[in-house]
Amino acid sequence: MALTTERYRSNDISEVTMKRKRSDEENEKKSPRKLAGAAVLQASVTAALYRALFEEWAESGYAALRMERIAARAGVGKAALYRRWKSKRDFVYEAVERTATAITPFPNTGSLAEDVLAITRSFAIVLRHPLVRRILPDLHAERARSDELDELVVRVGQDRRSQGLALIERAVERGELSKATDREMALDFLIAPLYWAIIVQRRKLNAKEIDGIAATVTISIRNMTR
């Protein structure tokens, strides 16, 4: 009797999963109006696929990522995934770029020290996330093995450095930094100490240590002149 009950439960779960996949796909194909023949892509499904991607990546590494496993983890059919991205590379590029830009925007507080403090605290939260702690090392390791993710790292890096440069230039305009400030070195140093401590050394920093890193970065940037 127990075995029979378990079999029914398993069948029920499978049936619910299949219904959800069909529902997601059908809902995406429905639209109150025609959009040049394209299906309407639900934001909730896209968000679920992003989460599934990062969870799979953290568990298995980039090289072992499989589109069908990501779709299964998100609880949708493969059609919902391929309707958005033609390949794993396209999927990863979009997910990383959009997420990286959204979760750690650079502030404009009107003060170099406060800007650096806000950035350091914000990045500390992100870098301490379990998924990020696993994905970032694998991302750079994969880049060293092949050039498939090279453009992604470059593009995200350029976006970050352009925001950081704007921060530095505002500090120069306010007179907080010298016009002779070495911009490239300052940008290199802005997040490097925090990244080294959390990702490379895997240290569990407390609030005082994080704020101390921010203060050290601010003092160092003030002395970076060419």
N, C-alpha and C. Protein backbone atom coordinates (compact mmCIF):
# COMPACT_ATOMS: atom_id res chain seq x y z
N MET A 1 0.84 -1.21 0.00
CA MET A 1 0.00 0.00 0.00
C MET A 1 0.86 1.25 0.00
N ALA A 2 1.94 1.24 0.81
CA ALA A 2 2.83 2.41 0.88
C ALA A 2 3.49 2.65 -0.45
N LEU A 3 3.92 1.52 -1.10
CA LEU A 3 4.59 1.66 -2.39
C LEU A 3 3.63 2.21 -3.43
N THR A 4 2.40 1.76 -3.38
CA THR A 4 1.39 2.25 -4.32
C THR A 4 1.14 3.73 -4.14
N THR A 5 1.07 4.17 -2.86
CA THR A 5 0.87 5.59 -2.57
C THR A 5 2.02 6.43 -3.09
N GLU A 6 3.26 5.93 -2.87
CA GLU A 6 4.42 6.67 -3.35
C GLU A 6 4.40 6.78 -4.87
N ARG A 7 3.94 5.68 -5.54
CA ARG A 7 3.90 5.71 -7.00
C ARG A 7 2.91 6.76 -7.48
N TYR A 8 1.75 6.85 -6.80
CA TYR A 8 0.76 7.86 -7.17
C TYR A 8 1.32 9.26 -6.95
N ARG A 9 2.03 9.45 -5.83
CA ARG A 9 2.60 10.77 -5.56
C ARG A 9 3.60 11.17 -6.63
N SER A 10 4.43 10.21 -7.01
CA SER A 10 5.43 10.48 -8.05
C SER A 10 4.75 10.83 -9.36
N ASN A 11 3.69 10.08 -9.70
CA ASN A 11 2.96 10.36 -10.94
C ASN A 11 2.31 11.73 -10.88
N ASP A 12 1.76 12.08 -9.70
CA ASP A 12 1.11 13.39 -9.54
C ASP A 12 2.10 14.51 -9.75
N ILE A 13 3.31 14.36 -9.16
CA ILE A 13 4.34 15.40 -9.29
C ILE A 13 4.75 15.55 -10.74
N SER A 14 4.95 14.42 -11.43
CA SER A 14 5.34 14.46 -12.84
C SER A 14 4.27 15.14 -13.68
N GLU A 15 3.00 14.82 -13.38
CA GLU A 15 1.89 15.41 -14.13
C GLU A 15 1.81 16.91 -13.91
N VAL A 16 2.02 17.34 -12.64
CA VAL A 16 1.98 18.77 -12.34
C VAL A 16 3.11 19.49 -13.05
N THR A 17 4.30 18.88 -13.06
CA THR A 17 5.46 19.49 -13.72
C THR A 17 5.21 19.65 -15.21
N MET A 18 4.66 18.60 -15.84
CA MET A 18 4.39 18.66 -17.27
C MET A 18 3.34 19.72 -17.58
N LYS A 19 2.30 19.80 -16.72
CA LYS A 19 1.26 20.81 -16.93
C LYS A 19 1.84 22.21 -16.82
N ARG A 20 2.79 22.41 -15.84
CA ARG A 20 3.39 23.73 -15.67
C ARG A 20 4.21 24.10 -16.89
N LYS A 21 4.95 23.13 -17.44
CA LYS A 21 5.76 23.41 -18.62
C LYS A 21 4.87 23.80 -19.80
N ARG A 22 3.78 23.01 -19.98
CA ARG A 22 2.87 23.32 -21.08
C ARG A 22 2.22 24.68 -20.89
N SER A 23 1.87 24.98 -19.63
CA SER A 23 1.21 26.26 -19.32
C SER A 23 2.14 27.42 -19.62
N ASP A 24 3.43 27.30 -19.18
CA ASP A 24 4.39 28.37 -19.44
C ASP A 24 4.55 28.62 -20.93
N GLU A 25 4.67 27.52 -21.68
CA GLU A 25 4.87 27.66 -23.12
C GLU A 25 3.63 28.24 -23.79
N GLU A 26 2.43 27.77 -23.38
CA GLU A 26 1.20 28.27 -23.98
C GLU A 26 0.97 29.73 -23.65
N ASN A 27 1.26 30.13 -22.39
CA ASN A 27 1.07 31.52 -21.99
C ASN A 27 1.98 32.45 -22.76
N GLU A 28 3.21 31.98 -23.05
CA GLU A 28 4.14 32.84 -23.78
C GLU A 28 3.72 33.01 -25.23
N LYS A 29 2.99 32.01 -25.75
CA LYS A 29 2.56 32.10 -27.14
C LYS A 29 1.32 32.97 -27.30
N LYS A 30 0.58 33.13 -26.18
CA LYS A 30 -0.64 33.94 -26.23
C LYS A 30 -0.29 35.41 -26.08
N SER A 31 -1.02 36.24 -26.76
CA SER A 31 -0.79 37.68 -26.66
C SER A 31 -2.07 38.40 -27.01
N PRO A 32 -2.38 39.50 -26.28
CA PRO A 32 -3.59 40.26 -26.59
C PRO A 32 -3.53 40.95 -27.94
N ARG A 33 -2.31 41.07 -28.47
CA ARG A 33 -2.16 41.68 -29.79
C ARG A 33 -0.94 41.10 -30.45
N LYS A 34 -0.86 41.18 -31.73
CA LYS A 34 0.26 40.63 -32.47
C LYS A 34 1.48 41.55 -32.34
N LEU A 35 2.64 40.93 -32.09
CA LEU A 35 3.88 41.69 -32.00
C LEU A 35 4.82 41.21 -33.09
N ALA A 36 4.52 41.55 -34.31
CA ALA A 36 5.34 41.18 -35.46
C ALA A 36 5.56 39.67 -35.51
N GLY A 37 4.56 38.91 -35.10
CA GLY A 37 4.65 37.47 -35.18
C GLY A 37 5.46 36.83 -34.06
N ALA A 38 5.97 37.59 -33.11
CA ALA A 38 6.81 37.04 -32.05
C ALA A 38 5.98 36.69 -30.83
N ALA A 39 6.44 35.69 -30.09
CA ALA A 39 5.77 35.32 -28.85
C ALA A 39 6.11 36.33 -27.76
N VAL A 40 5.19 36.53 -26.83
CA VAL A 40 5.44 37.41 -25.70
C VAL A 40 6.20 36.62 -24.65
N LEU A 41 7.35 37.12 -24.26
CA LEU A 41 8.19 36.42 -23.29
C LEU A 41 7.90 36.93 -21.89
N GLN A 42 7.44 36.05 -21.03
CA GLN A 42 7.09 36.43 -19.67
C GLN A 42 8.34 36.70 -18.84
N ALA A 43 8.34 37.82 -18.14
CA ALA A 43 9.48 38.21 -17.32
C ALA A 43 9.72 37.22 -16.19
N SER A 44 8.63 36.66 -15.65
CA SER A 44 8.78 35.71 -14.54
C SER A 44 9.50 34.44 -14.98
N VAL A 45 9.25 34.01 -16.22
CA VAL A 45 9.92 32.82 -16.75
C VAL A 45 11.39 33.13 -16.98
N THR A 46 11.68 34.30 -17.53
CA THR A 46 13.07 34.70 -17.75
C THR A 46 13.83 34.75 -16.44
N ALA A 47 13.22 35.32 -15.41
CA ALA A 47 13.85 35.41 -14.09
C ALA A 47 14.12 34.02 -13.53
N ALA A 48 13.18 33.11 -13.71
CA ALA A 48 13.36 31.74 -13.23
C ALA A 48 14.51 31.05 -13.95
N LEU A 49 14.65 31.33 -15.23
CA LEU A 49 15.74 30.75 -16.01
C LEU A 49 17.09 31.32 -15.58
N TYR A 50 17.12 32.61 -15.27
CA TYR A 50 18.35 33.22 -14.75
C TYR A 50 18.77 32.51 -13.47
N ARG A 51 17.82 32.37 -12.55
CA ARG A 51 18.14 31.72 -11.27
C ARG A 51 18.65 30.29 -11.48
N ALA A 52 17.97 29.57 -12.35
CA ALA A 52 18.37 28.19 -12.62
C ALA A 52 19.77 28.13 -13.23
N LEU A 53 20.06 29.05 -14.12
CA LEU A 53 21.39 29.10 -14.73
C LEU A 53 22.47 29.26 -13.67
N PHE A 54 22.30 30.25 -12.80
CA PHE A 54 23.34 30.51 -11.80
C PHE A 54 23.46 29.37 -10.78
N GLU A 55 22.35 28.74 -10.46
CA GLU A 55 22.40 27.61 -9.53
C GLU A 55 23.13 26.42 -10.17
N GLU A 56 22.82 26.15 -11.43
CA GLU A 56 23.51 25.07 -12.14
C GLU A 56 25.00 25.37 -12.31
N TRP A 57 25.30 26.61 -12.65
CA TRP A 57 26.69 27.02 -12.84
C TRP A 57 27.48 26.84 -11.55
N ALA A 58 26.92 27.26 -10.45
CA ALA A 58 27.60 27.14 -9.16
C ALA A 58 27.85 25.68 -8.79
N GLU A 59 26.94 24.81 -9.17
CA GLU A 59 27.06 23.39 -8.83
C GLU A 59 28.02 22.64 -9.74
N SER A 60 27.94 22.91 -11.04
CA SER A 60 28.66 22.06 -12.00
C SER A 60 29.81 22.74 -12.74
N GLY A 61 29.84 24.09 -12.75
CA GLY A 61 30.84 24.80 -13.53
C GLY A 61 30.33 25.10 -14.93
N TYR A 62 30.93 26.08 -15.58
CA TYR A 62 30.46 26.52 -16.90
C TYR A 62 30.53 25.41 -17.94
N ALA A 63 31.64 24.70 -17.97
CA ALA A 63 31.84 23.68 -19.01
C ALA A 63 30.77 22.60 -18.99
N ALA A 64 30.24 22.30 -17.81
CA ALA A 64 29.24 21.23 -17.68
C ALA A 64 27.81 21.73 -17.78
N LEU A 65 27.60 23.01 -18.01
CA LEU A 65 26.24 23.55 -18.12
C LEU A 65 25.52 22.94 -19.32
N ARG A 66 24.26 22.53 -19.09
CA ARG A 66 23.44 21.98 -20.17
C ARG A 66 22.09 22.70 -20.17
N MET A 67 21.68 23.12 -21.35
CA MET A 67 20.45 23.90 -21.48
C MET A 67 19.23 23.13 -20.95
N GLU A 68 19.16 21.82 -21.24
CA GLU A 68 18.00 21.05 -20.80
C GLU A 68 17.92 20.95 -19.28
N ARG A 69 19.08 20.89 -18.61
CA ARG A 69 19.09 20.82 -17.15
C ARG A 69 18.67 22.14 -16.54
N ILE A 70 19.06 23.24 -17.18
CA ILE A 70 18.65 24.56 -16.70
C ILE A 70 17.14 24.72 -16.82
N ALA A 71 16.60 24.31 -17.96
CA ALA A 71 15.15 24.39 -18.16
C ALA A 71 14.41 23.54 -17.14
N ALA A 72 14.91 22.34 -16.88
CA ALA A 72 14.26 21.45 -15.92
C ALA A 72 14.29 22.05 -14.52
N ARG A 73 15.41 22.66 -14.14
CA ARG A 73 15.52 23.27 -12.81
C ARG A 73 14.56 24.45 -12.69
N ALA A 74 14.37 25.20 -13.77
CA ALA A 74 13.46 26.34 -13.76
C ALA A 74 12.00 25.90 -13.82
N GLY A 75 11.76 24.63 -14.15
CA GLY A 75 10.39 24.14 -14.23
C GLY A 75 9.67 24.53 -15.50
N VAL A 76 10.43 24.72 -16.58
CA VAL A 76 9.82 25.09 -17.86
C VAL A 76 10.33 24.14 -18.94
N GLY A 77 9.69 24.18 -20.09
CA GLY A 77 10.14 23.37 -21.20
C GLY A 77 11.32 24.00 -21.91
N LYS A 78 12.06 23.19 -22.65
CA LYS A 78 13.23 23.70 -23.39
C LYS A 78 12.84 24.76 -24.41
N ALA A 79 11.60 24.68 -24.90
CA ALA A 79 11.16 25.65 -25.91
C ALA A 79 11.18 27.06 -25.34
N ALA A 80 10.81 27.20 -24.05
CA ALA A 80 10.80 28.52 -23.42
C ALA A 80 12.21 29.09 -23.34
N LEU A 81 13.19 28.21 -23.20
CA LEU A 81 14.58 28.65 -23.10
C LEU A 81 15.14 29.03 -24.48
N TYR A 82 14.92 28.14 -25.45
CA TYR A 82 15.46 28.39 -26.79
C TYR A 82 14.72 29.51 -27.52
N ARG A 83 13.53 29.84 -27.04
CA ARG A 83 12.81 30.98 -27.61
C ARG A 83 13.54 32.28 -27.29
N ARG A 84 14.33 32.26 -26.22
CA ARG A 84 15.05 33.45 -25.77
C ARG A 84 16.50 33.48 -26.25
N TRP A 85 17.16 32.34 -26.18
CA TRP A 85 18.59 32.29 -26.52
C TRP A 85 18.88 31.09 -27.41
N LYS A 86 19.73 31.30 -28.41
CA LYS A 86 20.05 30.23 -29.36
C LYS A 86 21.09 29.27 -28.82
N SER A 87 21.89 29.73 -27.84
CA SER A 87 22.97 28.89 -27.34
C SER A 87 23.25 29.18 -25.88
N LYS A 88 24.01 28.31 -25.26
CA LYS A 88 24.42 28.51 -23.87
C LYS A 88 25.22 29.80 -23.73
N ARG A 89 26.08 30.05 -24.69
CA ARG A 89 26.91 31.26 -24.65
C ARG A 89 26.05 32.51 -24.64
N ASP A 90 25.05 32.57 -25.53
CA ASP A 90 24.17 33.74 -25.60
C ASP A 90 23.42 33.93 -24.28
N PHE A 91 22.96 32.82 -23.72
CA PHE A 91 22.23 32.85 -22.45
C PHE A 91 23.11 33.40 -21.34
N VAL A 92 24.31 32.88 -21.22
CA VAL A 92 25.23 33.29 -20.15
C VAL A 92 25.62 34.76 -20.30
N TYR A 93 25.91 35.19 -21.51
CA TYR A 93 26.30 36.58 -21.73
C TYR A 93 25.20 37.53 -21.26
N GLU A 94 23.96 37.26 -21.68
CA GLU A 94 22.88 38.16 -21.31
C GLU A 94 22.63 38.14 -19.80
N ALA A 95 22.60 36.94 -19.21
CA ALA A 95 22.30 36.82 -17.79
C ALA A 95 23.34 37.51 -16.93
N VAL A 96 24.60 37.32 -17.26
CA VAL A 96 25.68 37.92 -16.46
C VAL A 96 25.70 39.43 -16.63
N GLU A 97 25.60 39.91 -17.86
CA GLU A 97 25.65 41.35 -18.09
C GLU A 97 24.50 42.08 -17.40
N ARG A 98 23.30 41.57 -17.55
CA ARG A 98 22.14 42.23 -16.95
C ARG A 98 22.18 42.18 -15.43
N THR A 99 22.60 41.05 -14.90
CA THR A 99 22.65 40.90 -13.44
C THR A 99 23.75 41.75 -12.84
N ALA A 100 24.92 41.73 -13.44
CA ALA A 100 26.06 42.49 -12.92
C ALA A 100 25.76 43.99 -12.88
N THR A 101 25.09 44.48 -13.90
CA THR A 101 24.76 45.90 -13.97
C THR A 101 23.71 46.28 -12.94
N ALA A 102 22.77 45.38 -12.69
CA ALA A 102 21.64 45.70 -11.82
C ALA A 102 21.97 45.63 -10.34
N ILE A 103 22.82 44.67 -9.94
CA ILE A 103 22.99 44.43 -8.50
C ILE A 103 24.00 45.33 -7.82
N THR A 104 24.92 45.93 -8.57
CA THR A 104 25.92 46.78 -7.92
C THR A 104 26.13 48.10 -8.67
N PRO A 105 25.13 48.95 -8.71
CA PRO A 105 25.30 50.26 -9.36
C PRO A 105 26.25 51.15 -8.56
N PHE A 106 27.00 51.98 -9.25
CA PHE A 106 27.93 52.89 -8.57
C PHE A 106 27.17 54.12 -8.09
N PRO A 107 27.39 54.54 -6.85
CA PRO A 107 26.63 55.66 -6.27
C PRO A 107 27.24 57.01 -6.66
N ASN A 108 26.51 58.06 -6.32
CA ASN A 108 27.01 59.43 -6.47
C ASN A 108 26.56 60.20 -5.23
N THR A 109 27.32 60.07 -4.16
CA THR A 109 26.93 60.67 -2.87
C THR A 109 27.41 62.11 -2.73
N GLY A 110 28.33 62.52 -3.60
CA GLY A 110 28.91 63.86 -3.47
C GLY A 110 30.20 63.87 -2.67
N SER A 111 30.68 62.69 -2.29
CA SER A 111 31.91 62.57 -1.51
C SER A 111 32.65 61.31 -1.94
N LEU A 112 33.95 61.42 -2.17
CA LEU A 112 34.76 60.27 -2.58
C LEU A 112 34.71 59.18 -1.51
N ALA A 113 34.93 59.57 -0.27
CA ALA A 113 34.96 58.59 0.82
C ALA A 113 33.62 57.86 0.95
N GLU A 114 32.52 58.60 0.83
CA GLU A 114 31.20 57.98 0.95
C GLU A 114 30.88 57.12 -0.27
N ASP A 115 31.34 57.56 -1.44
CA ASP A 115 31.15 56.74 -2.64
C ASP A 115 31.87 55.40 -2.48
N VAL A 116 33.12 55.45 -2.08
CA VAL A 116 33.92 54.23 -1.92
C VAL A 116 33.34 53.34 -0.84
N LEU A 117 32.87 53.93 0.24
CA LEU A 117 32.26 53.16 1.32
C LEU A 117 31.01 52.44 0.83
N ALA A 118 30.17 53.17 0.09
CA ALA A 118 28.93 52.58 -0.42
C ALA A 118 29.23 51.44 -1.40
N ILE A 119 30.21 51.66 -2.28
CA ILE A 119 30.59 50.63 -3.25
C ILE A 119 31.12 49.39 -2.54
N THR A 120 31.99 49.62 -1.57
CA THR A 120 32.60 48.49 -0.85
C THR A 120 31.56 47.68 -0.11
N ARG A 121 30.64 48.35 0.55
CA ARG A 121 29.58 47.63 1.27
C ARG A 121 28.68 46.87 0.31
N SER A 122 28.35 47.49 -0.81
CA SER A 122 27.48 46.86 -1.80
C SER A 122 28.14 45.62 -2.40
N PHE A 123 29.40 45.77 -2.81
CA PHE A 123 30.11 44.64 -3.41
C PHE A 123 30.36 43.54 -2.38
N ALA A 124 30.55 43.90 -1.13
CA ALA A 124 30.77 42.89 -0.09
C ALA A 124 29.57 41.97 0.02
N ILE A 125 28.37 42.54 -0.07
CA ILE A 125 27.15 41.73 0.00
C ILE A 125 27.09 40.76 -1.17
N VAL A 126 27.41 41.26 -2.35
CA VAL A 126 27.36 40.42 -3.56
C VAL A 126 28.43 39.34 -3.52
N LEU A 127 29.66 39.72 -3.20
CA LEU A 127 30.77 38.77 -3.23
C LEU A 127 30.64 37.67 -2.18
N ARG A 128 29.89 37.95 -1.11
CA ARG A 128 29.70 36.94 -0.06
C ARG A 128 28.56 35.98 -0.37
N HIS A 129 27.82 36.24 -1.45
CA HIS A 129 26.73 35.35 -1.80
C HIS A 129 27.31 34.00 -2.22
N PRO A 130 26.73 32.89 -1.73
CA PRO A 130 27.27 31.56 -2.04
C PRO A 130 27.43 31.26 -3.53
N LEU A 131 26.47 31.69 -4.35
CA LEU A 131 26.56 31.44 -5.78
C LEU A 131 27.70 32.23 -6.41
N VAL A 132 27.83 33.48 -6.02
CA VAL A 132 28.87 34.34 -6.57
C VAL A 132 30.25 33.82 -6.19
N ARG A 133 30.41 33.36 -4.97
CA ARG A 133 31.70 32.85 -4.50
C ARG A 133 32.15 31.62 -5.30
N ARG A 134 31.20 30.90 -5.87
CA ARG A 134 31.54 29.73 -6.68
C ARG A 134 31.69 30.08 -8.16
N ILE A 135 30.83 30.97 -8.63
CA ILE A 135 30.80 31.27 -10.06
C ILE A 135 31.99 32.12 -10.50
N LEU A 136 32.34 33.15 -9.74
CA LEU A 136 33.42 34.04 -10.18
C LEU A 136 34.75 33.32 -10.41
N PRO A 137 35.22 32.49 -9.48
CA PRO A 137 36.48 31.77 -9.76
C PRO A 137 36.38 30.89 -11.00
N ASP A 138 35.22 30.24 -11.19
CA ASP A 138 35.05 29.38 -12.35
C ASP A 138 35.01 30.21 -13.64
N LEU A 139 34.41 31.38 -13.58
CA LEU A 139 34.35 32.27 -14.74
C LEU A 139 35.75 32.61 -15.22
N HIS A 140 36.62 33.00 -14.30
CA HIS A 140 37.99 33.38 -14.69
C HIS A 140 38.83 32.16 -15.07
N ALA A 141 38.56 31.02 -14.44
CA ALA A 141 39.27 29.79 -14.81
C ALA A 141 38.89 29.37 -16.22
N GLU A 142 37.61 29.47 -16.54
CA GLU A 142 37.14 29.13 -17.89
C GLU A 142 37.72 30.08 -18.92
N ARG A 143 37.84 31.33 -18.56
CA ARG A 143 38.43 32.30 -19.48
C ARG A 143 39.88 31.96 -19.78
N ALA A 144 40.58 31.43 -18.77
CA ALA A 144 41.98 31.05 -18.96
C ALA A 144 42.11 29.82 -19.86
N ARG A 145 41.08 28.95 -19.84
CA ARG A 145 41.12 27.73 -20.64
C ARG A 145 40.72 27.96 -22.09
N SER A 146 39.78 28.88 -22.32
CA SER A 146 39.32 29.14 -23.67
C SER A 146 38.90 30.60 -23.79
N ASP A 147 38.61 31.02 -25.01
CA ASP A 147 38.22 32.42 -25.22
C ASP A 147 36.72 32.61 -25.31
N GLU A 148 35.94 31.56 -24.96
CA GLU A 148 34.49 31.64 -25.09
C GLU A 148 33.88 32.73 -24.22
N LEU A 149 34.43 32.94 -23.03
CA LEU A 149 33.89 33.94 -22.11
C LEU A 149 34.74 35.21 -22.06
N ASP A 150 35.74 35.28 -22.92
CA ASP A 150 36.66 36.42 -22.89
C ASP A 150 35.92 37.74 -23.14
N GLU A 151 35.10 37.77 -24.16
CA GLU A 151 34.38 39.00 -24.50
C GLU A 151 33.44 39.42 -23.38
N LEU A 152 32.83 38.44 -22.71
CA LEU A 152 31.93 38.75 -21.60
C LEU A 152 32.67 39.44 -20.48
N VAL A 153 33.81 38.90 -20.08
CA VAL A 153 34.60 39.50 -18.99
C VAL A 153 35.05 40.91 -19.37
N VAL A 154 35.45 41.07 -20.62
CA VAL A 154 35.89 42.39 -21.09
C VAL A 154 34.74 43.38 -21.05
N ARG A 155 33.57 42.99 -21.53
CA ARG A 155 32.43 43.90 -21.59
C ARG A 155 31.95 44.31 -20.20
N VAL A 156 31.84 43.35 -19.30
CA VAL A 156 31.43 43.67 -17.93
C VAL A 156 32.48 44.54 -17.27
N GLY A 157 33.75 44.23 -17.50
CA GLY A 157 34.84 45.02 -16.93
C GLY A 157 34.83 46.45 -17.43
N GLN A 158 34.58 46.61 -18.72
CA GLN A 158 34.54 47.96 -19.30
C GLN A 158 33.39 48.77 -18.73
N ASP A 159 32.25 48.12 -18.55
CA ASP A 159 31.10 48.81 -17.96
C ASP A 159 31.42 49.27 -16.54
N ARG A 160 32.03 48.38 -15.76
CA ARG A 160 32.40 48.72 -14.39
C ARG A 160 33.43 49.85 -14.35
N ARG A 161 34.41 49.78 -15.22
CA ARG A 161 35.47 50.79 -15.22
C ARG A 161 34.96 52.14 -15.69
N SER A 162 34.00 52.15 -16.61
CA SER A 162 33.43 53.43 -17.06
C SER A 162 32.67 54.10 -15.92
N GLN A 163 31.94 53.30 -15.12
CA GLN A 163 31.24 53.86 -13.96
C GLN A 163 32.24 54.34 -12.90
N GLY A 164 33.29 53.54 -12.71
CA GLY A 164 34.32 53.92 -11.75
C GLY A 164 35.05 55.18 -12.17
N LEU A 165 35.31 55.30 -13.48
CA LEU A 165 36.01 56.49 -13.98
C LEU A 165 35.17 57.74 -13.76
N ALA A 166 33.87 57.63 -13.96
CA ALA A 166 32.98 58.77 -13.72
C ALA A 166 33.05 59.20 -12.26
N LEU A 167 33.13 58.22 -11.37
CA LEU A 167 33.26 58.50 -9.93
C LEU A 167 34.56 59.25 -9.64
N ILE A 168 35.65 58.77 -10.24
CA ILE A 168 36.96 59.43 -10.04
C ILE A 168 36.95 60.85 -10.59
N GLU A 169 36.38 61.03 -11.77
CA GLU A 169 36.36 62.36 -12.39
C GLU A 169 35.53 63.34 -11.56
N ARG A 170 34.45 62.87 -10.97
CA ARG A 170 33.65 63.75 -10.12
C ARG A 170 34.46 64.19 -8.90
N ALA A 171 35.24 63.28 -8.35
CA ALA A 171 36.09 63.61 -7.20
C ALA A 171 37.16 64.62 -7.59
N VAL A 172 37.68 64.51 -8.81
CA VAL A 172 38.67 65.48 -9.31
C VAL A 172 38.03 66.85 -9.45
N GLU A 173 36.83 66.88 -10.02
CA GLU A 173 36.12 68.15 -10.21
C GLU A 173 35.81 68.82 -8.87
N ARG A 174 35.54 68.03 -7.84
CA ARG A 174 35.26 68.59 -6.52
C ARG A 174 36.53 69.00 -5.78
N GLY A 175 37.67 68.66 -6.33
CA GLY A 175 38.94 69.00 -5.68
C GLY A 175 39.38 67.98 -4.65
N GLU A 176 38.69 66.85 -4.58
CA GLU A 176 39.08 65.81 -3.62
C GLU A 176 40.27 64.99 -4.12
N LEU A 177 40.44 64.95 -5.42
CA LEU A 177 41.57 64.24 -6.01
C LEU A 177 42.35 65.18 -6.92
N SER A 178 43.63 64.91 -7.03
CA SER A 178 44.48 65.70 -7.91
C SER A 178 44.15 65.42 -9.37
N LYS A 179 44.36 66.41 -10.21
CA LYS A 179 44.17 66.19 -11.65
C LYS A 179 45.19 65.20 -12.18
N ALA A 180 46.27 65.02 -11.42
CA ALA A 180 47.31 64.07 -11.82
C ALA A 180 47.06 62.66 -11.30
N THR A 181 45.87 62.42 -10.76
CA THR A 181 45.54 61.10 -10.25
C THR A 181 45.67 60.04 -11.35
N ASP A 182 46.32 58.94 -11.02
CA ASP A 182 46.47 57.83 -11.97
C ASP A 182 45.13 57.08 -12.03
N ARG A 183 44.34 57.38 -13.04
CA ARG A 183 43.00 56.82 -13.14
C ARG A 183 43.01 55.30 -13.24
N GLU A 184 43.89 54.75 -14.07
CA GLU A 184 43.91 53.31 -14.28
C GLU A 184 44.25 52.56 -13.00
N MET A 185 45.23 53.06 -12.27
CA MET A 185 45.60 52.40 -11.02
C MET A 185 44.48 52.52 -9.99
N ALA A 186 43.85 53.68 -9.96
CA ALA A 186 42.74 53.89 -9.02
C ALA A 186 41.60 52.92 -9.31
N LEU A 187 41.29 52.72 -10.58
CA LEU A 187 40.22 51.80 -10.96
C LEU A 187 40.60 50.37 -10.61
N ASP A 188 41.87 50.02 -10.81
CA ASP A 188 42.33 48.67 -10.46
C ASP A 188 42.15 48.41 -8.96
N PHE A 189 42.40 49.44 -8.18
CA PHE A 189 42.44 49.28 -6.72
C PHE A 189 41.07 49.42 -6.06
N LEU A 190 40.11 49.94 -6.80
CA LEU A 190 38.81 50.28 -6.20
C LEU A 190 38.14 49.08 -5.53
N ILE A 191 38.15 47.93 -6.19
CA ILE A 191 37.49 46.74 -5.66
C ILE A 191 38.48 45.61 -5.34
N ALA A 192 39.70 45.73 -5.84
CA ALA A 192 40.68 44.64 -5.73
C ALA A 192 40.91 44.13 -4.30
N PRO A 193 41.13 44.99 -3.30
CA PRO A 193 41.37 44.46 -1.95
C PRO A 193 40.20 43.65 -1.40
N LEU A 194 38.99 44.11 -1.69
CA LEU A 194 37.80 43.39 -1.23
C LEU A 194 37.67 42.05 -1.95
N TYR A 195 37.88 42.05 -3.25
CA TYR A 195 37.80 40.83 -4.05
C TYR A 195 38.84 39.81 -3.58
N TRP A 196 40.04 40.28 -3.33
CA TRP A 196 41.11 39.40 -2.88
C TRP A 196 40.74 38.75 -1.54
N ALA A 197 40.22 39.55 -0.63
CA ALA A 197 39.90 39.04 0.71
C ALA A 197 38.76 38.03 0.68
N ILE A 198 37.70 38.33 -0.08
CA ILE A 198 36.51 37.48 -0.04
C ILE A 198 36.59 36.29 -1.01
N ILE A 199 36.97 36.54 -2.25
CA ILE A 199 36.95 35.50 -3.27
C ILE A 199 38.23 34.65 -3.24
N VAL A 200 39.39 35.30 -3.16
CA VAL A 200 40.65 34.55 -3.21
C VAL A 200 40.99 33.94 -1.86
N GLN A 201 40.98 34.77 -0.83
CA GLN A 201 41.32 34.27 0.50
C GLN A 201 40.13 33.64 1.24
N ARG A 202 38.94 33.88 0.74
CA ARG A 202 37.70 33.33 1.32
C ARG A 202 37.55 33.71 2.79
N ARG A 203 37.90 34.94 3.10
CA ARG A 203 37.77 35.43 4.47
C ARG A 203 36.33 35.86 4.74
N LYS A 204 35.88 35.67 5.96
CA LYS A 204 34.55 36.11 6.39
C LYS A 204 34.70 37.45 7.10
N LEU A 205 34.60 38.51 6.32
CA LEU A 205 34.81 39.86 6.85
C LEU A 205 33.60 40.33 7.64
N ASN A 206 33.86 41.02 8.75
CA ASN A 206 32.77 41.65 9.48
C ASN A 206 32.62 43.09 9.01
N ALA A 207 31.62 43.78 9.52
CA ALA A 207 31.31 45.14 9.07
C ALA A 207 32.48 46.10 9.29
N LYS A 208 33.16 45.97 10.42
CA LYS A 208 34.29 46.84 10.72
C LYS A 208 35.42 46.63 9.72
N GLU A 209 35.68 45.38 9.36
CA GLU A 209 36.75 45.09 8.41
C GLU A 209 36.41 45.60 7.01
N ILE A 210 35.15 45.47 6.64
CA ILE A 210 34.72 45.97 5.33
C ILE A 210 34.87 47.49 5.25
N ASP A 211 34.44 48.17 6.29
CA ASP A 211 34.57 49.64 6.31
C ASP A 211 36.05 50.03 6.35
N GLY A 212 36.87 49.22 7.00
CA GLY A 212 38.30 49.49 7.04
C GLY A 212 38.94 49.38 5.67
N ILE A 213 38.50 48.41 4.89
CA ILE A 213 38.99 48.28 3.52
C ILE A 213 38.60 49.51 2.70
N ALA A 214 37.37 49.97 2.88
CA ALA A 214 36.91 51.17 2.16
C ALA A 214 37.76 52.38 2.50
N ALA A 215 38.07 52.56 3.77
CA ALA A 215 38.89 53.70 4.20
C ALA A 215 40.29 53.61 3.61
N THR A 216 40.86 52.41 3.59
CA THR A 216 42.20 52.21 3.02
C THR A 216 42.21 52.50 1.53
N VAL A 217 41.17 52.06 0.83
CA VAL A 217 41.07 52.32 -0.61
C VAL A 217 40.99 53.82 -0.88
N THR A 218 40.20 54.52 -0.10
CA THR A 218 40.06 55.98 -0.29
C THR A 218 41.39 56.68 -0.10
N ILE A 219 42.09 56.36 0.98
CA ILE A 219 43.40 56.98 1.25
C ILE A 219 44.38 56.65 0.14
N SER A 220 44.37 55.42 -0.32
CA SER A 220 45.31 54.99 -1.36
C SER A 220 45.06 55.73 -2.67
N ILE A 221 43.80 55.84 -3.06
CA ILE A 221 43.46 56.52 -4.32
C ILE A 221 43.89 57.99 -4.26
N ARG A 222 43.76 58.61 -3.10
CA ARG A 222 44.16 60.01 -2.96
C ARG A 222 45.67 60.21 -3.20
N ASN A 223 46.43 59.14 -3.05
CA ASN A 223 47.88 59.24 -3.22
C ASN A 223 48.38 58.63 -4.52
N MET A 224 47.47 58.28 -5.39
CA MET A 224 47.85 57.68 -6.68
C MET A 224 47.98 58.75 -7.75
N THR A 225 49.15 59.31 -7.86
CA THR A 225 49.39 60.36 -8.87
C THR A 225 50.46 59.88 -9.84
N ARG A 226 50.36 60.38 -11.06
CA ARG A 226 51.33 59.99 -12.09
C ARG A 226 52.52 60.93 -12.10
